Amino acid sequence: MMKRAAITTLAFLIALPSIYWLLGEAAVMFEMASTGAKSRAELADDFGLGIIGLFIVAPATVIGAVIIASFFWWQMRPRRRG
């Protein structure tokens, strides 16, 4: 049971920054496409990017990491013998 909890916790801790980075990059690409910005520097004054980061990226990151941890918890369950 400790091994199962340790692996699930490790999966959560690895998934959290990974998903955050992926969703953050997707949000920046979306904002660049929707505002017509040619570089990330042009997005410095864009308030919409902050809104997307706070209300979309952050909750989706936690939800995604919990889903991945739940998947690992489910996969690490004891197998029936016989």
PDB file of N, CA and C in Angstrom:
ATOM      1  N   MET A   1       0.815  -1.189   0.000  1.00  0.00           N
ATOM      2  CA  MET A   1       0.000   0.000   0.000  1.00  0.00           C
ATOM      3  C   MET A   1       0.868   1.266   0.000  1.00  0.00           C
ATOM      4  N   MET A   2       1.995   1.222   0.696  1.00  0.00           N
ATOM      5  CA  MET A   2       2.887   2.381   0.712  1.00  0.00           C
ATOM      6  C   MET A   2       3.502   2.621  -0.663  1.00  0.00           C
ATOM      7  N   LYS A   3       3.819   1.541  -1.358  1.00  0.00           N
ATOM      8  CA  LYS A   3       4.389   1.671  -2.701  1.00  0.00           C
ATOM      9  C   LYS A   3       3.364   2.301  -3.639  1.00  0.00           C
ATOM     10  N   ARG A   4       2.128   1.875  -3.507  1.00  0.00           N
ATOM     11  CA  ARG A   4       1.051   2.411  -4.341  1.00  0.00           C
ATOM     12  C   ARG A   4       0.876   3.910  -4.087  1.00  0.00           C
ATOM     13  N   ALA A   5       0.874   4.304  -2.828  1.00  0.00           N
ATOM     14  CA  ALA A   5       0.719   5.720  -2.480  1.00  0.00           C
ATOM     15  C   ALA A   5       1.926   6.537  -2.928  1.00  0.00           C
ATOM     16  N   ALA A   6       3.120   5.979  -2.787  1.00  0.00           N
ATOM     17  CA  ALA A   6       4.326   6.703  -3.181  1.00  0.00           C
ATOM     18  C   ALA A   6       4.376   6.922  -4.690  1.00  0.00           C
ATOM     19  N   ILE A   7       4.046   5.907  -5.462  1.00  0.00           N
ATOM     20  CA  ILE A   7       4.074   6.041  -6.922  1.00  0.00           C
ATOM     21  C   ILE A   7       2.987   7.000  -7.393  1.00  0.00           C
ATOM     22  N   THR A   8       1.820   6.935  -6.772  1.00  0.00           N
ATOM     23  CA  THR A   8       0.739   7.844  -7.140  1.00  0.00           C
ATOM     24  C   THR A   8       1.110   9.288  -6.814  1.00  0.00           C
ATOM     25  N   THR A   9       1.702   9.513  -5.665  1.00  0.00           N
ATOM     26  CA  THR A   9       2.140  10.861  -5.289  1.00  0.00           C
ATOM     27  C   THR A   9       3.218  11.368  -6.235  1.00  0.00           C
ATOM     28  N   LEU A  10       4.147  10.509  -6.578  1.00  0.00           N
ATOM     29  CA  LEU A  10       5.200  10.887  -7.519  1.00  0.00           C
ATOM     30  C   LEU A  10       4.613  11.224  -8.891  1.00  0.00           C
ATOM     31  N   ALA A  11       3.642  10.440  -9.345  1.00  0.00           N
ATOM     32  CA  ALA A  11       2.988  10.725 -10.626  1.00  0.00           C
ATOM     33  C   ALA A  11       2.287  12.077 -10.587  1.00  0.00           C
ATOM     34  N   PHE A  12       1.627  12.377  -9.473  1.00  0.00           N
ATOM     35  CA  PHE A  12       0.956  13.671  -9.322  1.00  0.00           C
ATOM     36  C   PHE A  12       1.967  14.816  -9.363  1.00  0.00           C
ATOM     37  N   LEU A  13       3.072  14.648  -8.637  1.00  0.00           N
ATOM     38  CA  LEU A  13       4.078  15.707  -8.578  1.00  0.00           C
ATOM     39  C   LEU A  13       4.802  15.912  -9.908  1.00  0.00           C
ATOM     40  N   ILE A  14       4.912  14.876 -10.702  1.00  0.00           N
ATOM     41  CA  ILE A  14       5.509  15.018 -12.034  1.00  0.00           C
ATOM     42  C   ILE A  14       4.501  15.611 -13.013  1.00  0.00           C
ATOM     43  N   ALA A  15       3.240  15.195 -12.893  1.00  0.00           N
ATOM     44  CA  ALA A  15       2.209  15.660 -13.821  1.00  0.00           C
ATOM     45  C   ALA A  15       1.872  17.134 -13.621  1.00  0.00           C
ATOM     46  N   LEU A  16       1.929  17.605 -12.393  1.00  0.00           N
ATOM     47  CA  LEU A  16       1.514  18.979 -12.104  1.00  0.00           C
ATOM     48  C   LEU A  16       2.302  20.024 -12.901  1.00  0.00           C
ATOM     49  N   PRO A  17       3.628  20.069 -12.813  1.00  0.00           N
ATOM     50  CA  PRO A  17       4.337  21.082 -13.615  1.00  0.00           C
ATOM     51  C   PRO A  17       4.309  20.788 -15.112  1.00  0.00           C
ATOM     52  N   SER A  18       4.234  19.507 -15.470  1.00  0.00           N
ATOM     53  CA  SER A  18       4.197  19.159 -16.897  1.00  0.00           C
ATOM     54  C   SER A  18       2.921  19.658 -17.550  1.00  0.00           C
ATOM     55  N   ILE A  19       1.797  19.400 -16.916  1.00  0.00           N
ATOM     56  CA  ILE A  19       0.513  19.848 -17.466  1.00  0.00           C
ATOM     57  C   ILE A  19       0.431  21.370 -17.440  1.00  0.00           C
ATOM     58  N   TYR A  20       0.946  21.978 -16.369  1.00  0.00           N
ATOM     59  CA  TYR A  20       0.931  23.440 -16.281  1.00  0.00           C
ATOM     60  C   TYR A  20       1.709  24.060 -17.437  1.00  0.00           C
ATOM     61  N   TRP A  21       2.873  23.500 -17.732  1.00  0.00           N
ATOM     62  CA  TRP A  21       3.688  24.016 -18.830  1.00  0.00           C
ATOM     63  C   TRP A  21       2.960  23.842 -20.166  1.00  0.00           C
ATOM     64  N   LEU A  22       2.405  22.645 -20.398  1.00  0.00           N
ATOM     65  CA  LEU A  22       1.711  22.396 -21.665  1.00  0.00           C
ATOM     66  C   LEU A  22       0.504  23.311 -21.836  1.00  0.00           C
ATOM     67  N   LEU A  23      -0.311  23.440 -20.804  1.00  0.00           N
ATOM     68  CA  LEU A  23      -1.485  24.302 -20.906  1.00  0.00           C
ATOM     69  C   LEU A  23      -1.096  25.778 -20.999  1.00  0.00           C
ATOM     70  N   GLY A  24      -0.031  26.162 -20.317  1.00  0.00           N
ATOM     71  CA  GLY A  24       0.452  27.542 -20.416  1.00  0.00           C
ATOM     72  C   GLY A  24       0.915  27.880 -21.820  1.00  0.00           C
ATOM     73  N   GLU A  25       1.651  26.958 -22.427  1.00  0.00           N
ATOM     74  CA  GLU A  25       2.091  27.170 -23.813  1.00  0.00           C
ATOM     75  C   GLU A  25       0.893  27.229 -24.763  1.00  0.00           C
ATOM     76  N   ALA A  26      -0.088  26.369 -24.544  1.00  0.00           N
ATOM     77  CA  ALA A  26      -1.289  26.387 -25.386  1.00  0.00           C
ATOM     78  C   ALA A  26      -2.040  27.706 -25.226  1.00  0.00           C
ATOM     79  N   ALA A  27      -2.113  28.224 -24.001  1.00  0.00           N
ATOM     80  CA  ALA A  27      -2.791  29.500 -23.761  1.00  0.00           C
ATOM     81  C   ALA A  27      -2.061  30.648 -24.448  1.00  0.00           C
ATOM     82  N   VAL A  28      -0.735  30.643 -24.393  1.00  0.00           N
ATOM     83  CA  VAL A  28       0.045  31.698 -25.057  1.00  0.00           C
ATOM     84  C   VAL A  28      -0.151  31.620 -26.570  1.00  0.00           C
ATOM     85  N   MET A  29      -0.111  30.423 -27.118  1.00  0.00           N
ATOM     86  CA  MET A  29      -0.328  30.272 -28.568  1.00  0.00           C
ATOM     87  C   MET A  29      -1.729  30.728 -28.964  1.00  0.00           C
ATOM     88  N   PHE A  30      -2.728  30.404 -28.133  1.00  0.00           N
ATOM     89  CA  PHE A  30      -4.093  30.839 -28.399  1.00  0.00           C
ATOM     90  C   PHE A  30      -4.189  32.364 -28.375  1.00  0.00           C
ATOM     91  N   GLU A  31      -3.602  32.985 -27.372  1.00  0.00           N
ATOM     92  CA  GLU A  31      -3.640  34.447 -27.275  1.00  0.00           C
ATOM     93  C   GLU A  31      -2.895  35.108 -28.421  1.00  0.00           C
ATOM     94  N   MET A  32      -1.760  34.533 -28.814  1.00  0.00           N
ATOM     95  CA  MET A  32      -1.013  35.105 -29.939  1.00  0.00           C
ATOM     96  C   MET A  32      -1.829  35.016 -31.221  1.00  0.00           C
ATOM     97  N   ALA A  33      -2.531  33.909 -31.410  1.00  0.00           N
ATOM     98  CA  ALA A  33      -3.347  33.755 -32.614  1.00  0.00           C
ATOM     99  C   ALA A  33      -4.566  34.668 -32.583  1.00  0.00           C
ATOM    100  N   SER A  34      -5.193  34.814 -31.421  1.00  0.00           N
ATOM    101  CA  SER A  34      -6.422  35.605 -31.363  1.00  0.00           C
ATOM    102  C   SER A  34      -6.163  37.111 -31.348  1.00  0.00           C
ATOM    103  N   THR A  35      -5.006  37.547 -30.851  1.00  0.00           N
ATOM    104  CA  THR A  35      -4.709  38.984 -30.831  1.00  0.00           C
ATOM    105  C   THR A  35      -3.839  39.427 -31.995  1.00  0.00           C
ATOM    106  N   GLY A  36      -3.266  38.480 -32.707  1.00  0.00           N
ATOM    107  CA  GLY A  36      -2.404  38.826 -33.823  1.00  0.00           C
ATOM    108  C   GLY A  36      -1.007  39.246 -33.402  1.00  0.00           C
ATOM    109  N   ALA A  37      -0.618  38.889 -32.195  1.00  0.00           N
ATOM    110  CA  ALA A  37       0.718  39.245 -31.702  1.00  0.00           C
ATOM    111  C   ALA A  37       1.770  38.417 -32.432  1.00  0.00           C
ATOM    112  N   LYS A  38       2.873  39.061 -32.747  1.00  0.00           N
ATOM    113  CA  LYS A  38       3.946  38.370 -33.461  1.00  0.00           C
ATOM    114  C   LYS A  38       4.975  37.757 -32.512  1.00  0.00           C
ATOM    115  N   SER A  39       5.023  38.236 -31.269  1.00  0.00           N
ATOM    116  CA  SER A  39       5.982  37.702 -30.301  1.00  0.00           C
ATOM    117  C   SER A  39       5.336  37.692 -28.914  1.00  0.00           C
ATOM    118  N   ARG A  40       6.003  37.014 -28.002  1.00  0.00           N
ATOM    119  CA  ARG A  40       5.508  36.964 -26.625  1.00  0.00           C
ATOM    120  C   ARG A  40       5.622  38.323 -25.943  1.00  0.00           C
ATOM    121  N   ALA A  41       6.563  39.129 -26.374  1.00  0.00           N
ATOM    122  CA  ALA A  41       6.746  40.452 -25.775  1.00  0.00           C
ATOM    123  C   ALA A  41       5.522  41.337 -26.002  1.00  0.00           C
ATOM    124  N   GLU A  42       4.840  41.147 -27.104  1.00  0.00           N
ATOM    125  CA  GLU A  42       3.645  41.938 -27.390  1.00  0.00           C
ATOM    126  C   GLU A  42       2.483  41.564 -26.478  1.00  0.00           C
ATOM    127  N   LEU A  43       2.555  40.406 -25.834  1.00  0.00           N
ATOM    128  CA  LEU A  43       1.490  39.976 -24.934  1.00  0.00           C
ATOM    129  C   LEU A  43       1.682  40.496 -23.512  1.00  0.00           C
ATOM    130  N   ALA A  44       2.722  41.275 -23.269  1.00  0.00           N
ATOM    131  CA  ALA A  44       3.032  41.734 -21.910  1.00  0.00           C
ATOM    132  C   ALA A  44       1.897  42.555 -21.305  1.00  0.00           C
ATOM    133  N   ASP A  45       1.208  43.332 -22.107  1.00  0.00           N
ATOM    134  CA  ASP A  45       0.126  44.176 -21.599  1.00  0.00           C
ATOM    135  C   ASP A  45      -1.249  43.555 -21.807  1.00  0.00           C
ATOM    136  N   ASP A  46      -1.303  42.312 -22.208  1.00  0.00           N
ATOM    137  CA  ASP A  46      -2.582  41.662 -22.497  1.00  0.00           C
ATOM    138  C   ASP A  46      -3.185  41.112 -21.209  1.00  0.00           C
ATOM    139  N   PHE A  47      -4.292  41.699 -20.790  1.00  0.00           N
ATOM    140  CA  PHE A  47      -4.959  41.270 -19.564  1.00  0.00           C
ATOM    141  C   PHE A  47      -5.648  39.920 -19.751  1.00  0.00           C
ATOM    142  N   GLY A  48      -6.065  39.612 -20.971  1.00  0.00           N
ATOM    143  CA  GLY A  48      -6.760  38.353 -21.249  1.00  0.00           C
ATOM    144  C   GLY A  48      -5.899  37.133 -20.988  1.00  0.00           C
ATOM    145  N   LEU A  49      -4.602  37.261 -21.216  1.00  0.00           N
ATOM    146  CA  LEU A  49      -3.699  36.136 -20.966  1.00  0.00           C
ATOM    147  C   LEU A  49      -3.654  35.801 -19.478  1.00  0.00           C
ATOM    148  N   GLY A  50      -3.669  36.812 -18.634  1.00  0.00           N
ATOM    149  CA  GLY A  50      -3.702  36.584 -17.187  1.00  0.00           C
ATOM    150  C   GLY A  50      -4.990  35.929 -16.738  1.00  0.00           C
ATOM    151  N   ILE A  51      -6.092  36.349 -17.340  1.00  0.00           N
ATOM    152  CA  ILE A  51      -7.394  35.749 -17.018  1.00  0.00           C
ATOM    153  C   ILE A  51      -7.401  34.276 -17.412  1.00  0.00           C
ATOM    154  N   ILE A  52      -6.911  33.981 -18.612  1.00  0.00           N
ATOM    155  CA  ILE A  52      -6.853  32.587 -19.064  1.00  0.00           C
ATOM    156  C   ILE A  52      -5.946  31.776 -18.151  1.00  0.00           C
ATOM    157  N   GLY A  53      -4.815  32.350 -17.776  1.00  0.00           N
ATOM    158  CA  GLY A  53      -3.893  31.637 -16.898  1.00  0.00           C
ATOM    159  C   GLY A  53      -4.488  31.337 -15.540  1.00  0.00           C
ATOM    160  N   LEU A  54      -5.221  32.290 -14.994  1.00  0.00           N
ATOM    161  CA  LEU A  54      -5.772  32.131 -13.653  1.00  0.00           C
ATOM    162  C   LEU A  54      -7.009  31.242 -13.622  1.00  0.00           C
ATOM    163  N   PHE A  55      -7.912  31.436 -14.573  1.00  0.00           N
ATOM    164  CA  PHE A  55      -9.194  30.748 -14.505  1.00  0.00           C
ATOM    165  C   PHE A  55      -9.304  29.509 -15.383  1.00  0.00           C
ATOM    166  N   ILE A  56      -8.372  29.305 -16.292  1.00  0.00           N
ATOM    167  CA  ILE A  56      -8.408  28.121 -17.159  1.00  0.00           C
ATOM    168  C   ILE A  56      -7.216  27.213 -16.889  1.00  0.00           C
ATOM    169  N   VAL A  57      -6.018  27.758 -17.002  1.00  0.00           N
ATOM    170  CA  VAL A  57      -4.808  26.933 -16.913  1.00  0.00           C
ATOM    171  C   VAL A  57      -4.625  26.346 -15.513  1.00  0.00           C
ATOM    172  N   ALA A  58      -4.748  27.159 -14.474  1.00  0.00           N
ATOM    173  CA  ALA A  58      -4.505  26.668 -13.113  1.00  0.00           C
ATOM    174  C   ALA A  58      -5.488  25.571 -12.690  1.00  0.00           C
ATOM    175  N   PRO A  59      -6.812  25.771 -12.835  1.00  0.00           N
ATOM    176  CA  PRO A  59      -7.719  24.685 -12.450  1.00  0.00           C
ATOM    177  C   PRO A  59      -7.581  23.446 -13.333  1.00  0.00           C
ATOM    178  N   ALA A  60      -7.374  23.647 -14.625  1.00  0.00           N
ATOM    179  CA  ALA A  60      -7.222  22.495 -15.526  1.00  0.00           C
ATOM    180  C   ALA A  60      -5.961  21.709 -15.198  1.00  0.00           C
ATOM    181  N   THR A  61      -4.931  22.396 -14.721  1.00  0.00           N
ATOM    182  CA  THR A  61      -3.700  21.716 -14.319  1.00  0.00           C
ATOM    183  C   THR A  61      -3.955  20.792 -13.139  1.00  0.00           C
ATOM    184  N   VAL A  62      -4.633  21.301 -12.133  1.00  0.00           N
ATOM    185  CA  VAL A  62      -4.917  20.486 -10.947  1.00  0.00           C
ATOM    186  C   VAL A  62      -5.841  19.327 -11.306  1.00  0.00           C
ATOM    187  N   ILE A  63      -6.865  19.591 -12.099  1.00  0.00           N
ATOM    188  CA  ILE A  63      -7.790  18.529 -12.505  1.00  0.00           C
ATOM    189  C   ILE A  63      -7.059  17.461 -13.307  1.00  0.00           C
ATOM    190  N   GLY A  64      -6.215  17.872 -14.238  1.00  0.00           N
ATOM    191  CA  GLY A  64      -5.459  16.912 -15.041  1.00  0.00           C
ATOM    192  C   GLY A  64      -4.502  16.083 -14.211  1.00  0.00           C
ATOM    193  N   ALA A  65      -3.822  16.713 -13.256  1.00  0.00           N
ATOM    194  CA  ALA A  65      -2.891  15.975 -12.396  1.00  0.00           C
ATOM    195  C   ALA A  65      -3.634  14.990 -11.501  1.00  0.00           C
ATOM    196  N   VAL A  66      -4.810  15.369 -11.029  1.00  0.00           N
ATOM    197  CA  VAL A  66      -5.617  14.448 -10.218  1.00  0.00           C
ATOM    198  C   VAL A  66      -6.086  13.269 -11.061  1.00  0.00           C
ATOM    199  N   ILE A  67      -6.463  13.520 -12.303  1.00  0.00           N
ATOM    200  CA  ILE A  67      -6.883  12.431 -13.191  1.00  0.00           C
ATOM    201  C   ILE A  67      -5.724  11.474 -13.441  1.00  0.00           C
ATOM    202  N   ILE A  68      -4.547  12.002 -13.688  1.00  0.00           N
ATOM    203  CA  ILE A  68      -3.376  11.145 -13.911  1.00  0.00           C
ATOM    204  C   ILE A  68      -3.038  10.359 -12.649  1.00  0.00           C
ATOM    205  N   ALA A  69      -3.087  11.015 -11.484  1.00  0.00           N
ATOM    206  CA  ALA A  69      -2.815  10.312 -10.227  1.00  0.00           C
ATOM    207  C   ALA A  69      -3.864   9.231  -9.972  1.00  0.00           C
ATOM    208  N   SER A  70      -5.118   9.518 -10.295  1.00  0.00           N
ATOM    209  CA  SER A  70      -6.178   8.515 -10.133  1.00  0.00           C
ATOM    210  C   SER A  70      -5.947   7.323 -11.045  1.00  0.00           C
ATOM    211  N   PHE A  71      -5.486   7.600 -12.255  1.00  0.00           N
ATOM    212  CA  PHE A  71      -5.176   6.514 -13.174  1.00  0.00           C
ATOM    213  C   PHE A  71      -4.057   5.648 -12.609  1.00  0.00           C
ATOM    214  N   PHE A  72      -3.007   6.256 -12.086  1.00  0.00           N
ATOM    215  CA  PHE A  72      -1.912   5.487 -11.491  1.00  0.00           C
ATOM    216  C   PHE A  72      -2.394   4.703 -10.271  1.00  0.00           C
ATOM    217  N   TRP A  73      -3.240   5.315  -9.444  1.00  0.00           N
ATOM    218  CA  TRP A  73      -3.780   4.630  -8.274  1.00  0.00           C
ATOM    219  C   TRP A  73      -4.574   3.400  -8.711  1.00  0.00           C
ATOM    220  N   TRP A  74      -5.366   3.561  -9.766  1.00  0.00           N
ATOM    221  CA  TRP A  74      -6.170   2.454 -10.279  1.00  0.00           C
ATOM    222  C   TRP A  74      -5.282   1.354 -10.862  1.00  0.00           C
ATOM    223  N   GLN A  75      -4.244   1.725 -11.590  1.00  0.00           N
ATOM    224  CA  GLN A  75      -3.351   0.735 -12.197  1.00  0.00           C
ATOM    225  C   GLN A  75      -2.499   0.001 -11.168  1.00  0.00           C
ATOM    226  N   MET A  76      -2.236   0.617 -10.042  1.00  0.00           N
ATOM    227  CA  MET A  76      -1.388   0.009  -9.021  1.00  0.00           C
ATOM    228  C   MET A  76      -2.175  -0.838  -8.017  1.00  0.00           C
ATOM    229  N   ARG A  77      -3.465  -1.037  -8.250  1.00  0.00           N
ATOM    230  CA  ARG A  77      -4.263  -1.819  -7.303  1.00  0.00           C
ATOM    231  C   ARG A  77      -3.763  -3.266  -7.262  1.00  0.00           C
ATOM    232  N   PRO A  78      -3.962  -3.928  -6.137  1.00  0.00           N
ATOM    233  CA  PRO A  78      -3.524  -5.330  -6.040  1.00  0.00           C
ATOM    234  C   PRO A  78      -4.298  -6.214  -7.018  1.00  0.00           C
ATOM    235  N   ARG A  79      -3.604  -7.124  -7.636  1.00  0.00           N
ATOM    236  CA  ARG A  79      -4.221  -8.041  -8.598  1.00  0.00           C
ATOM    237  C   ARG A  79      -4.753  -9.271  -7.872  1.00  0.00           C
ATOM    238  N   ARG A  80      -5.840  -9.798  -8.373  1.00  0.00           N
ATOM    239  CA  ARG A  80      -6.377 -11.045  -7.819  1.00  0.00           C
ATOM    240  C   ARG A  80      -5.603 -12.216  -8.373  1.00  0.00           C
ATOM    241  N   ARG A  81      -5.362 -13.164  -7.527  1.00  0.00           N
ATOM    242  CA  ARG A  81      -4.664 -14.377  -7.961  1.00  0.00           C
ATOM    243  C   ARG A  81      -5.667 -15.509  -8.059  1.00  0.00           C
ATOM    244  N   GLY A  82      -5.452 -16.318  -9.090  1.00  0.00           N
ATOM    245  CA  GLY A  82      -6.275 -17.516  -9.190  1.00  0.00           C
ATOM    246  C   GLY A  82      -7.342 -17.482 -10.199  1.00  0.00           C
TER     247      GLY A  82
END
